[in-house]
Amino acid sequence: MEDFSVFTGFSCLRPEDKDRDLDEFIRHDAERHFKDKVAVTYQLESVVDPELAGIPLGFATLQNDAIRINGDDSLPDICVQYPYRAFPAVKIGRFGIHVDYQRNNLGSLFLFMLKWLLTTENRTGCRYITVDARRDKKNKIDVTGFYRRNQFEELPWESKTSKYVPMYFDLINFEP
C-alpha cells in the first residue's frame, strides 16, 4: 500500500492498553519504512461488506529476513539438503487487527492469506515466515499463543528477550 492516510483513526488497541507501539507504527512510521524500502505494509480490507470497502480491518508489515543456522542446530530436513548457513525468510515486522474486529479469526485469516501470497507460484524463493512474537508481562501482552495456533514454532537457538520470542513457519508445510 502507498496511501497510509487510510490508517488515520485506526487502532488495534483498547483504550486501557498502555503500550501504543502498533498504533504509533502504522500512523507514523509505516509510510517512511515503505519509502525507504525497509518494509512493505499490506492492508486487510473487506471484499464482502460494501460499507467497509476501503476501511482497513488490519495490516501486516513485511520485510526480508533469514534464519541463521548456528552450530549443530538445524531446521527440519532442509539443512541436510543444502550446505547453507542461512535460509530465506520474510519477517512479519508488525501485525495488527482493528480493535473492533479482533477475536473473530480475522488475524488467522490474514496470516493464511500472507502464507498463500508467499507460496503462490513461489514468487519470492522464500522458505520461512518469521516473527518476533511479543511477550511483554509488564504490559500484559502475549501473542505467542496466536502464532502457535497458526502453526508457528519457536526458534530455540535464536536469542530471546523478555519481550520477544523468535518464531517461524515453514512455508513448505502450507496447504491452501
C-alpha atoms as a PDB file:
ATOM      1  CA  MET A   1       0.000   0.000   0.000  1.00  0.00           C
ATOM      2  CA  GLU A   2       1.110   3.548  -0.641  1.00  0.00           C
ATOM      3  CA  ASP A   3      -1.671   5.717   0.838  1.00  0.00           C
ATOM      4  CA  PHE A   4      -1.245   5.447   4.578  1.00  0.00           C
ATOM      5  CA  SER A   5      -3.845   8.136   5.300  1.00  0.00           C
ATOM      6  CA  VAL A   6      -6.460   5.334   5.468  1.00  0.00           C
ATOM      7  CA  PHE A   7      -4.996   4.495   8.877  1.00  0.00           C
ATOM      8  CA  THR A   8      -5.985   7.847  10.381  1.00  0.00           C
ATOM      9  CA  GLY A   9      -8.121   6.903  13.346  1.00  0.00           C
ATOM     10  CA  PHE A  10      -7.162   3.217  13.041  1.00  0.00           C
ATOM     11  CA  SER A  11      -6.454   1.445  16.312  1.00  0.00           C
ATOM     12  CA  CYS A  12      -5.759  -2.147  17.174  1.00  0.00           C
ATOM     13  CA  LEU A  13      -5.579  -1.332  20.872  1.00  0.00           C
ATOM     14  CA  ARG A  14      -8.172  -0.910  23.574  1.00  0.00           C
ATOM     15  CA  PRO A  15      -8.263   2.483  25.361  1.00  0.00           C
ATOM     16  CA  GLU A  16      -6.842   0.914  28.528  1.00  0.00           C
ATOM     17  CA  ASP A  17      -3.801  -0.546  26.702  1.00  0.00           C
ATOM     18  CA  LYS A  18      -0.742   1.379  27.808  1.00  0.00           C
ATOM     19  CA  ASP A  19       1.684   0.298  25.106  1.00  0.00           C
ATOM     20  CA  ARG A  20       0.734   2.148  21.900  1.00  0.00           C
ATOM     21  CA  ASP A  21       3.532   0.715  19.704  1.00  0.00           C
ATOM     22  CA  LEU A  22       1.357  -0.804  16.960  1.00  0.00           C
ATOM     23  CA  ASP A  23      -0.845   2.255  16.582  1.00  0.00           C
ATOM     24  CA  GLU A  24       2.146   4.592  16.583  1.00  0.00           C
ATOM     25  CA  PHE A  25       3.915   2.469  13.969  1.00  0.00           C
ATOM     26  CA  ILE A  26       1.042   2.352  11.472  1.00  0.00           C
ATOM     27  CA  ARG A  27       0.220   6.037  11.879  1.00  0.00           C
ATOM     28  CA  HIS A  28       3.746   7.494  11.921  1.00  0.00           C
ATOM     29  CA  ASP A  29       6.401   5.001  10.786  1.00  0.00           C
ATOM     30  CA  ALA A  30       4.983   2.587   8.195  1.00  0.00           C
ATOM     31  CA  GLU A  31       4.997   5.099   5.345  1.00  0.00           C
ATOM     32  CA  ARG A  32       8.649   6.007   5.977  1.00  0.00           C
ATOM     33  CA  HIS A  33       9.572   2.301   6.088  1.00  0.00           C
ATOM     34  CA  PHE A  34       7.862   1.880   2.713  1.00  0.00           C
ATOM     35  CA  LYS A  35       9.506   4.913   1.094  1.00  0.00           C
ATOM     36  CA  ASP A  36      12.939   3.900   2.395  1.00  0.00           C
ATOM     37  CA  LYS A  37      12.381   0.328   1.110  1.00  0.00           C
ATOM     38  CA  VAL A  38      12.804  -1.134   4.590  1.00  0.00           C
ATOM     39  CA  ALA A  39       9.371  -2.798   4.749  1.00  0.00           C
ATOM     40  CA  VAL A  40       6.089  -3.118   2.863  1.00  0.00           C
ATOM     41  CA  THR A  41       2.701  -2.850   4.549  1.00  0.00           C
ATOM     42  CA  TYR A  42      -0.351  -4.777   3.382  1.00  0.00           C
ATOM     43  CA  GLN A  43      -3.851  -3.710   4.337  1.00  0.00           C
ATOM     44  CA  LEU A  44      -6.630  -6.161   5.118  1.00  0.00           C
ATOM     45  CA  GLU A  45      -9.989  -4.880   3.960  1.00  0.00           C
ATOM     46  CA  SER A  46     -13.407  -6.394   3.429  1.00  0.00           C
ATOM     47  CA  VAL A  47     -14.464  -7.506  -0.028  1.00  0.00           C
ATOM     48  CA  VAL A  48     -17.784  -8.799   1.284  1.00  0.00           C
ATOM     49  CA  ASP A  49     -19.286  -5.803   3.068  1.00  0.00           C
ATOM     50  CA  PRO A  50     -19.585  -2.722   0.788  1.00  0.00           C
ATOM     51  CA  GLU A  51     -19.891  -0.447   3.845  1.00  0.00           C
ATOM     52  CA  LEU A  52     -16.370  -1.474   4.889  1.00  0.00           C
ATOM     53  CA  ALA A  53     -14.790  -1.084   1.440  1.00  0.00           C
ATOM     54  CA  GLY A  54     -11.508   0.798   1.718  1.00  0.00           C
ATOM     55  CA  ILE A  55     -11.553   0.748   5.521  1.00  0.00           C
ATOM     56  CA  PRO A  56      -8.567  -1.087   6.998  1.00  0.00           C
ATOM     57  CA  LEU A  57      -9.513  -4.042   9.168  1.00  0.00           C
ATOM     58  CA  GLY A  58      -5.872  -4.843   9.790  1.00  0.00           C
ATOM     59  CA  PHE A  59      -2.333  -4.536   8.497  1.00  0.00           C
ATOM     60  CA  ALA A  60       0.833  -6.565   8.154  1.00  0.00           C
ATOM     61  CA  THR A  61       4.275  -5.099   7.568  1.00  0.00           C
ATOM     62  CA  LEU A  62       6.713  -7.474   5.892  1.00  0.00           C
ATOM     63  CA  GLN A  63      10.463  -7.273   5.387  1.00  0.00           C
ATOM     64  CA  ASN A  64      13.237  -9.594   4.291  1.00  0.00           C
ATOM     65  CA  ASP A  65      14.868 -11.823   6.866  1.00  0.00           C
ATOM     66  CA  ALA A  66      16.873 -15.022   7.181  1.00  0.00           C
ATOM     67  CA  ILE A  67      17.019 -17.870   9.638  1.00  0.00           C
ATOM     68  CA  ARG A  68      20.643 -18.385  10.535  1.00  0.00           C
ATOM     69  CA  ILE A  69      21.864 -21.844  11.420  1.00  0.00           C
ATOM     70  CA  ASN A  70      24.220 -21.990  14.400  1.00  0.00           C
ATOM     71  CA  GLY A  71      26.464 -24.982  15.020  1.00  0.00           C
ATOM     72  CA  ASP A  72      24.593 -28.269  15.251  1.00  0.00           C
ATOM     73  CA  ASP A  73      21.134 -26.695  15.381  1.00  0.00           C
ATOM     74  CA  SER A  74      19.112 -27.294  12.263  1.00  0.00           C
ATOM     75  CA  LEU A  75      15.735 -26.850  10.702  1.00  0.00           C
ATOM     76  CA  PRO A  76      13.812 -29.980   9.702  1.00  0.00           C
ATOM     77  CA  ASP A  77      15.158 -31.706   6.592  1.00  0.00           C
ATOM     78  CA  ILE A  78      16.475 -28.696   4.742  1.00  0.00           C
ATOM     79  CA  CYS A  79      19.883 -28.451   6.420  1.00  0.00           C
ATOM     80  CA  VAL A  80      20.751 -31.934   5.212  1.00  0.00           C
ATOM     81  CA  GLN A  81      19.955 -30.988   1.619  1.00  0.00           C
ATOM     82  CA  TYR A  82      21.753 -27.641   1.454  1.00  0.00           C
ATOM     83  CA  PRO A  83      25.078 -26.548   2.975  1.00  0.00           C
ATOM     84  CA  TYR A  84      23.779 -23.051   3.753  1.00  0.00           C
ATOM     85  CA  ARG A  85      24.314 -21.149   6.997  1.00  0.00           C
ATOM     86  CA  ALA A  86      21.090 -19.164   6.492  1.00  0.00           C
ATOM     87  CA  PHE A  87      17.756 -19.730   4.800  1.00  0.00           C
ATOM     88  CA  PRO A  88      15.498 -17.082   3.222  1.00  0.00           C
ATOM     89  CA  ALA A  89      12.580 -15.781   5.219  1.00  0.00           C
ATOM     90  CA  VAL A  90      10.044 -12.989   5.253  1.00  0.00           C
ATOM     91  CA  LYS A  91       9.635 -11.311   8.641  1.00  0.00           C
ATOM     92  CA  ILE A  92       6.337 -10.036   9.918  1.00  0.00           C
ATOM     93  CA  GLY A  93       7.600  -6.808  11.417  1.00  0.00           C
ATOM     94  CA  ARG A  94       4.224  -5.553  12.626  1.00  0.00           C
ATOM     95  CA  PHE A  95       0.802  -7.186  12.522  1.00  0.00           C
ATOM     96  CA  GLY A  96      -2.444  -5.751  13.835  1.00  0.00           C
ATOM     97  CA  ILE A  97      -6.197  -6.148  13.537  1.00  0.00           C
ATOM     98  CA  HIS A  98      -8.512  -3.200  14.248  1.00  0.00           C
ATOM     99  CA  VAL A  99      -9.791  -3.415  17.815  1.00  0.00           C
ATOM    100  CA  ASP A 100     -13.432  -3.598  16.632  1.00  0.00           C
ATOM    101  CA  TYR A 101     -12.722  -6.751  14.568  1.00  0.00           C
ATOM    102  CA  GLN A 102     -10.489  -8.733  16.921  1.00  0.00           C
ATOM    103  CA  ARG A 103     -11.368 -12.170  18.297  1.00  0.00           C
ATOM    104  CA  ASN A 104     -13.239 -13.323  15.189  1.00  0.00           C
ATOM    105  CA  ASN A 105     -10.414 -15.129  13.351  1.00  0.00           C
ATOM    106  CA  LEU A 106      -9.539 -12.218  11.051  1.00  0.00           C
ATOM    107  CA  GLY A 107      -5.921 -12.387  12.248  1.00  0.00           C
ATOM    108  CA  SER A 108      -5.701 -16.083  11.372  1.00  0.00           C
ATOM    109  CA  LEU A 109      -7.375 -15.445   8.022  1.00  0.00           C
ATOM    110  CA  PHE A 110      -4.911 -12.649   7.287  1.00  0.00           C
ATOM    111  CA  LEU A 111      -1.958 -14.920   8.148  1.00  0.00           C
ATOM    112  CA  PHE A 112      -3.408 -17.593   5.854  1.00  0.00           C
ATOM    113  CA  MET A 113      -3.620 -15.029   3.045  1.00  0.00           C
ATOM    114  CA  LEU A 114       0.009 -13.992   3.604  1.00  0.00           C
ATOM    115  CA  LYS A 115       1.132 -17.636   3.511  1.00  0.00           C
ATOM    116  CA  TRP A 116      -0.819 -18.128   0.297  1.00  0.00           C
ATOM    117  CA  LEU A 117       0.690 -14.983  -1.231  1.00  0.00           C
ATOM    118  CA  LEU A 118       4.232 -16.124  -0.420  1.00  0.00           C
ATOM    119  CA  THR A 119       3.754 -19.647  -1.763  1.00  0.00           C
ATOM    120  CA  THR A 120       1.691 -18.964  -4.885  1.00  0.00           C
ATOM    121  CA  GLU A 121       3.990 -19.609  -7.833  1.00  0.00           C
ATOM    122  CA  ASN A 122       6.976 -19.344  -5.444  1.00  0.00           C
ATOM    123  CA  ARG A 123       7.070 -15.583  -6.034  1.00  0.00           C
ATOM    124  CA  THR A 124       9.927 -14.877  -3.648  1.00  0.00           C
ATOM    125  CA  GLY A 125      12.016 -18.027  -3.265  1.00  0.00           C
ATOM    126  CA  CYS A 126      11.268 -17.788   0.430  1.00  0.00           C
ATOM    127  CA  ARG A 127      11.111 -20.835   2.690  1.00  0.00           C
ATOM    128  CA  TYR A 128      10.056 -19.344   6.040  1.00  0.00           C
ATOM    129  CA  ILE A 129       7.975 -16.659   7.688  1.00  0.00           C
ATOM    130  CA  THR A 130       9.492 -15.299  10.883  1.00  0.00           C
ATOM    131  CA  VAL A 131       8.126 -13.114  13.618  1.00  0.00           C
ATOM    132  CA  ASP A 132       9.386 -11.781  16.913  1.00  0.00           C
ATOM    133  CA  ALA A 133       6.214 -12.525  18.860  1.00  0.00           C
ATOM    134  CA  ARG A 134       5.599 -10.068  21.637  1.00  0.00           C
ATOM    135  CA  ARG A 135       5.506 -11.443  25.165  1.00  0.00           C
ATOM    136  CA  ASP A 136       5.597  -8.468  27.480  1.00  0.00           C
ATOM    137  CA  LYS A 137       4.474  -9.278  31.010  1.00  0.00           C
ATOM    138  CA  LYS A 138       4.677  -5.676  32.181  1.00  0.00           C
ATOM    139  CA  ASN A 139       2.145  -4.527  29.568  1.00  0.00           C
ATOM    140  CA  LYS A 140       0.148  -7.790  29.689  1.00  0.00           C
ATOM    141  CA  ILE A 141       0.799  -8.630  26.038  1.00  0.00           C
ATOM    142  CA  ASP A 142       1.448 -12.182  24.855  1.00  0.00           C
ATOM    143  CA  VAL A 143       0.795 -13.058  21.216  1.00  0.00           C
ATOM    144  CA  THR A 144       2.846 -16.282  21.175  1.00  0.00           C
ATOM    145  CA  GLY A 145      -0.348 -18.363  21.566  1.00  0.00           C
ATOM    146  CA  PHE A 146      -1.867 -16.724  18.491  1.00  0.00           C
ATOM    147  CA  TYR A 147       1.164 -17.626  16.383  1.00  0.00           C
ATOM    148  CA  ARG A 148       1.291 -21.185  17.787  1.00  0.00           C
ATOM    149  CA  ARG A 149      -2.376 -21.659  16.810  1.00  0.00           C
ATOM    150  CA  ASN A 150      -1.305 -20.639  13.307  1.00  0.00           C
ATOM    151  CA  GLN A 151       1.442 -23.313  13.197  1.00  0.00           C
ATOM    152  CA  PHE A 152       4.412 -21.106  14.089  1.00  0.00           C
ATOM    153  CA  GLU A 153       7.156 -22.684  16.192  1.00  0.00           C
ATOM    154  CA  GLU A 154       9.805 -21.136  18.401  1.00  0.00           C
ATOM    155  CA  LEU A 155      13.326 -20.768  17.108  1.00  0.00           C
ATOM    156  CA  PRO A 156      15.098 -22.298  20.102  1.00  0.00           C
ATOM    157  CA  TRP A 157      18.608 -21.222  19.158  1.00  0.00           C
ATOM    158  CA  GLU A 158      17.769 -17.583  18.468  1.00  0.00           C
ATOM    159  CA  SER A 159      18.272 -15.166  21.308  1.00  0.00           C
ATOM    160  CA  LYS A 160      15.162 -14.331  23.269  1.00  0.00           C
ATOM    161  CA  THR A 161      14.497 -11.222  25.271  1.00  0.00           C
ATOM    162  CA  SER A 162      11.949 -10.702  27.964  1.00  0.00           C
ATOM    163  CA  LYS A 163       9.668  -9.030  25.425  1.00  0.00           C
ATOM    164  CA  TYR A 164      10.075 -11.021  22.186  1.00  0.00           C
ATOM    165  CA  VAL A 165      10.062 -14.700  21.210  1.00  0.00           C
ATOM    166  CA  PRO A 166      11.517 -15.510  17.756  1.00  0.00           C
ATOM    167  CA  MET A 167       9.143 -17.857  15.912  1.00  0.00           C
ATOM    168  CA  TYR A 168       8.908 -19.299  12.399  1.00  0.00           C
ATOM    169  CA  PHE A 169       6.534 -21.023   9.990  1.00  0.00           C
ATOM    170  CA  ASP A 170       7.899 -23.378   7.332  1.00  0.00           C
ATOM    171  CA  LEU A 171       6.101 -22.500   4.088  1.00  0.00           C
ATOM    172  CA  ILE A 172       6.845 -25.974   2.683  1.00  0.00           C
ATOM    173  CA  ASN A 173       4.121 -27.209   5.054  1.00  0.00           C
ATOM    174  CA  PHE A 174       1.487 -24.749   3.833  1.00  0.00           C
ATOM    175  CA  GLU A 175      -1.582 -26.339   2.299  1.00  0.00           C
ATOM    176  CA  PRO A 176      -4.191 -23.914   0.949  1.00  0.00           C
END
